[in-house]
Amino acid sequence: MVQAVINIDENTNRVLNIVKAKFGLRDKSQAINLVVNEYEETSLEPELRPEYKIKLNKIMKGKHLSREELEKEVA
């Protein structure tokens, strides 16, 4: 576990207190962890939705042209 001393503004402090109270957390460290984990899940390379994985597999199994074949088709 890493410990850090951080400076946060008053609004951030209020938000952390609200998150802490809403989810019944013991301290602000847990609130920060919750907020960061939520951000990670939604914004940092989220996993593909299951229905998109199925669609992607169909695309990958489909017929594909090589560059030479594509140039012949276009020309």
N, C-alpha and C. Protein backbone atom coordinates (compact mmCIF):
# COMPACT_ATOMS: atom_id res chain seq x y z
N MET A 1 0.84 -1.17 0.00
CA MET A 1 0.00 0.00 0.00
C MET A 1 0.89 1.23 0.00
N VAL A 2 0.51 2.23 -0.77
CA VAL A 2 1.25 3.47 -0.86
C VAL A 2 0.53 4.53 -0.06
N GLN A 3 1.28 5.30 0.69
CA GLN A 3 0.70 6.41 1.42
C GLN A 3 1.16 7.70 0.78
N ALA A 4 0.25 8.70 0.72
CA ALA A 4 0.59 9.96 0.09
C ALA A 4 -0.12 11.09 0.82
N VAL A 5 0.55 12.21 0.89
CA VAL A 5 -0.06 13.43 1.40
C VAL A 5 -0.45 14.24 0.18
N ILE A 6 -1.73 14.58 0.08
CA ILE A 6 -2.21 15.29 -1.11
C ILE A 6 -2.90 16.58 -0.69
N ASN A 7 -2.90 17.54 -1.58
CA ASN A 7 -3.62 18.80 -1.38
C ASN A 7 -4.82 18.79 -2.30
N ILE A 8 -6.00 18.94 -1.74
CA ILE A 8 -7.23 19.00 -2.53
C ILE A 8 -7.97 20.27 -2.19
N ASP A 9 -8.73 20.77 -3.15
CA ASP A 9 -9.49 21.98 -2.88
C ASP A 9 -10.77 21.64 -2.10
N GLU A 10 -11.46 22.68 -1.69
CA GLU A 10 -12.63 22.52 -0.83
C GLU A 10 -13.75 21.73 -1.54
N ASN A 11 -13.95 21.99 -2.82
CA ASN A 11 -15.01 21.28 -3.56
C ASN A 11 -14.70 19.79 -3.65
N THR A 12 -13.46 19.44 -3.93
CA THR A 12 -13.06 18.03 -4.00
C THR A 12 -13.27 17.36 -2.65
N ASN A 13 -12.95 18.07 -1.59
CA ASN A 13 -13.14 17.55 -0.24
C ASN A 13 -14.63 17.25 0.01
N ARG A 14 -15.50 18.15 -0.42
CA ARG A 14 -16.95 17.94 -0.26
C ARG A 14 -17.41 16.71 -1.04
N VAL A 15 -16.93 16.61 -2.27
CA VAL A 15 -17.32 15.46 -3.10
C VAL A 15 -16.86 14.15 -2.47
N LEU A 16 -15.64 14.13 -1.97
CA LEU A 16 -15.15 12.92 -1.31
C LEU A 16 -15.98 12.58 -0.08
N ASN A 17 -16.38 13.59 0.67
CA ASN A 17 -17.23 13.35 1.83
C ASN A 17 -18.59 12.79 1.41
N ILE A 18 -19.14 13.27 0.31
CA ILE A 18 -20.43 12.76 -0.19
C ILE A 18 -20.27 11.31 -0.63
N VAL A 19 -19.22 11.02 -1.38
CA VAL A 19 -18.97 9.64 -1.83
C VAL A 19 -18.80 8.73 -0.62
N LYS A 20 -18.03 9.20 0.34
CA LYS A 20 -17.78 8.42 1.56
C LYS A 20 -19.09 8.10 2.28
N ALA A 21 -19.96 9.09 2.42
CA ALA A 21 -21.24 8.89 3.11
C ALA A 21 -22.19 8.03 2.29
N LYS A 22 -22.25 8.27 0.99
CA LYS A 22 -23.18 7.54 0.13
C LYS A 22 -22.89 6.05 0.12
N PHE A 23 -21.63 5.67 0.11
CA PHE A 23 -21.26 4.26 0.01
C PHE A 23 -20.86 3.66 1.36
N GLY A 24 -21.00 4.43 2.42
CA GLY A 24 -20.71 3.92 3.75
C GLY A 24 -19.26 3.54 3.95
N LEU A 25 -18.37 4.36 3.43
CA LEU A 25 -16.93 4.07 3.53
C LEU A 25 -16.37 4.61 4.84
N ARG A 26 -15.26 4.03 5.29
CA ARG A 26 -14.67 4.43 6.56
C ARG A 26 -13.88 5.72 6.47
N ASP A 27 -13.16 5.92 5.36
CA ASP A 27 -12.31 7.10 5.26
C ASP A 27 -12.22 7.59 3.81
N LYS A 28 -11.57 8.72 3.65
CA LYS A 28 -11.46 9.32 2.32
C LYS A 28 -10.57 8.50 1.39
N SER A 29 -9.66 7.72 1.95
CA SER A 29 -8.82 6.86 1.11
C SER A 29 -9.69 5.89 0.33
N GLN A 30 -10.68 5.31 1.00
CA GLN A 30 -11.59 4.39 0.32
C GLN A 30 -12.42 5.13 -0.72
N ALA A 31 -12.80 6.37 -0.41
CA ALA A 31 -13.57 7.17 -1.38
C ALA A 31 -12.72 7.47 -2.61
N ILE A 32 -11.46 7.81 -2.41
CA ILE A 32 -10.58 8.08 -3.54
C ILE A 32 -10.40 6.81 -4.38
N ASN A 33 -10.20 5.68 -3.71
CA ASN A 33 -10.06 4.41 -4.44
C ASN A 33 -11.30 4.10 -5.26
N LEU A 34 -12.48 4.33 -4.69
CA LEU A 34 -13.73 4.07 -5.40
C LEU A 34 -13.85 4.95 -6.64
N VAL A 35 -13.56 6.23 -6.47
CA VAL A 35 -13.67 7.18 -7.59
C VAL A 35 -12.66 6.82 -8.69
N VAL A 36 -11.45 6.49 -8.31
CA VAL A 36 -10.42 6.15 -9.30
C VAL A 36 -10.77 4.85 -10.02
N ASN A 37 -11.27 3.85 -9.29
CA ASN A 37 -11.67 2.60 -9.93
C ASN A 37 -12.82 2.81 -10.91
N GLU A 38 -13.77 3.65 -10.54
CA GLU A 38 -14.89 3.96 -11.44
C GLU A 38 -14.38 4.65 -12.69
N TYR A 39 -13.47 5.59 -12.53
CA TYR A 39 -12.89 6.28 -13.68
C TYR A 39 -12.15 5.30 -14.58
N GLU A 40 -11.41 4.40 -13.97
CA GLU A 40 -10.66 3.41 -14.75
C GLU A 40 -11.60 2.54 -15.58
N GLU A 41 -12.70 2.11 -14.98
CA GLU A 41 -13.64 1.23 -15.68
C GLU A 41 -14.34 1.93 -16.83
N THR A 42 -14.63 3.22 -16.66
CA THR A 42 -15.41 3.92 -17.68
C THR A 42 -14.57 4.66 -18.71
N SER A 43 -13.38 5.08 -18.35
CA SER A 43 -12.63 5.96 -19.24
C SER A 43 -11.32 5.39 -19.76
N LEU A 44 -10.68 4.54 -19.02
CA LEU A 44 -9.38 4.03 -19.43
C LEU A 44 -9.51 2.67 -20.10
N GLU A 45 -9.58 2.67 -21.39
CA GLU A 45 -9.65 1.44 -22.17
C GLU A 45 -10.64 0.43 -21.61
N PRO A 46 -11.91 0.79 -21.61
CA PRO A 46 -12.88 -0.17 -21.08
C PRO A 46 -12.92 -1.44 -21.92
N GLU A 47 -13.28 -2.53 -21.31
CA GLU A 47 -13.38 -3.79 -22.05
C GLU A 47 -14.50 -3.69 -23.07
N LEU A 48 -14.39 -4.49 -24.10
CA LEU A 48 -15.42 -4.49 -25.12
C LEU A 48 -16.71 -5.08 -24.58
N ARG A 49 -17.82 -4.51 -25.01
CA ARG A 49 -19.12 -5.07 -24.62
C ARG A 49 -19.24 -6.46 -25.24
N PRO A 50 -19.92 -7.39 -24.55
CA PRO A 50 -20.04 -8.76 -25.06
C PRO A 50 -20.64 -8.83 -26.47
N GLU A 51 -21.64 -7.99 -26.75
CA GLU A 51 -22.26 -8.04 -28.08
C GLU A 51 -21.29 -7.56 -29.16
N TYR A 52 -20.39 -6.64 -28.81
CA TYR A 52 -19.41 -6.19 -29.79
C TYR A 52 -18.35 -7.26 -30.02
N LYS A 53 -18.01 -8.02 -28.97
CA LYS A 53 -17.04 -9.11 -29.13
C LYS A 53 -17.57 -10.14 -30.13
N ILE A 54 -18.86 -10.43 -30.05
CA ILE A 54 -19.48 -11.38 -30.99
C ILE A 54 -19.40 -10.84 -32.41
N LYS A 55 -19.74 -9.55 -32.57
CA LYS A 55 -19.69 -8.92 -33.88
C LYS A 55 -18.26 -8.91 -34.43
N LEU A 56 -17.30 -8.63 -33.56
CA LEU A 56 -15.90 -8.60 -33.98
C LEU A 56 -15.43 -9.98 -34.42
N ASN A 57 -15.85 -11.03 -33.72
CA ASN A 57 -15.48 -12.39 -34.11
C ASN A 57 -16.04 -12.73 -35.49
N LYS A 58 -17.27 -12.30 -35.79
CA LYS A 58 -17.85 -12.53 -37.12
C LYS A 58 -17.05 -11.82 -38.19
N ILE A 59 -16.63 -10.60 -37.89
CA ILE A 59 -15.83 -9.84 -38.85
C ILE A 59 -14.50 -10.54 -39.11
N MET A 60 -13.86 -10.99 -38.04
CA MET A 60 -12.56 -11.65 -38.16
C MET A 60 -12.65 -12.95 -38.95
N LYS A 61 -13.77 -13.66 -38.86
CA LYS A 61 -13.94 -14.92 -39.57
C LYS A 61 -14.36 -14.72 -41.02
N GLY A 62 -14.75 -13.51 -41.39
CA GLY A 62 -15.24 -13.23 -42.73
C GLY A 62 -14.15 -13.25 -43.77
N LYS A 63 -14.57 -13.08 -45.03
CA LYS A 63 -13.63 -13.08 -46.15
C LYS A 63 -12.94 -11.73 -46.22
N HIS A 64 -11.61 -11.78 -46.38
CA HIS A 64 -10.82 -10.57 -46.47
C HIS A 64 -9.95 -10.63 -47.72
N LEU A 65 -9.75 -9.47 -48.33
CA LEU A 65 -8.92 -9.39 -49.54
C LEU A 65 -7.52 -8.96 -49.17
N SER A 66 -6.55 -9.51 -49.88
CA SER A 66 -5.18 -9.03 -49.71
C SER A 66 -5.07 -7.69 -50.43
N ARG A 67 -3.96 -7.02 -50.25
CA ARG A 67 -3.78 -5.73 -50.89
C ARG A 67 -3.79 -5.87 -52.41
N GLU A 68 -3.15 -6.92 -52.91
CA GLU A 68 -3.10 -7.13 -54.35
C GLU A 68 -4.51 -7.40 -54.89
N GLU A 69 -5.28 -8.22 -54.19
CA GLU A 69 -6.64 -8.50 -54.63
C GLU A 69 -7.50 -7.24 -54.61
N LEU A 70 -7.32 -6.40 -53.59
CA LEU A 70 -8.08 -5.15 -53.50
C LEU A 70 -7.72 -4.23 -54.65
N GLU A 71 -6.43 -4.12 -54.98
CA GLU A 71 -6.03 -3.27 -56.08
C GLU A 71 -6.60 -3.76 -57.40
N LYS A 72 -6.69 -5.09 -57.59
CA LYS A 72 -7.30 -5.64 -58.80
C LYS A 72 -8.78 -5.32 -58.85
N GLU A 73 -9.45 -5.39 -57.70
CA GLU A 73 -10.90 -5.12 -57.64
C GLU A 73 -11.17 -3.66 -57.96
N VAL A 74 -10.33 -2.76 -57.46
CA VAL A 74 -10.55 -1.32 -57.64
C VAL A 74 -10.17 -0.90 -59.05
N ALA A 75 -9.13 -1.47 -59.60
CA ALA A 75 -8.63 -1.07 -60.92
C ALA A 75 -9.50 -1.52 -62.04
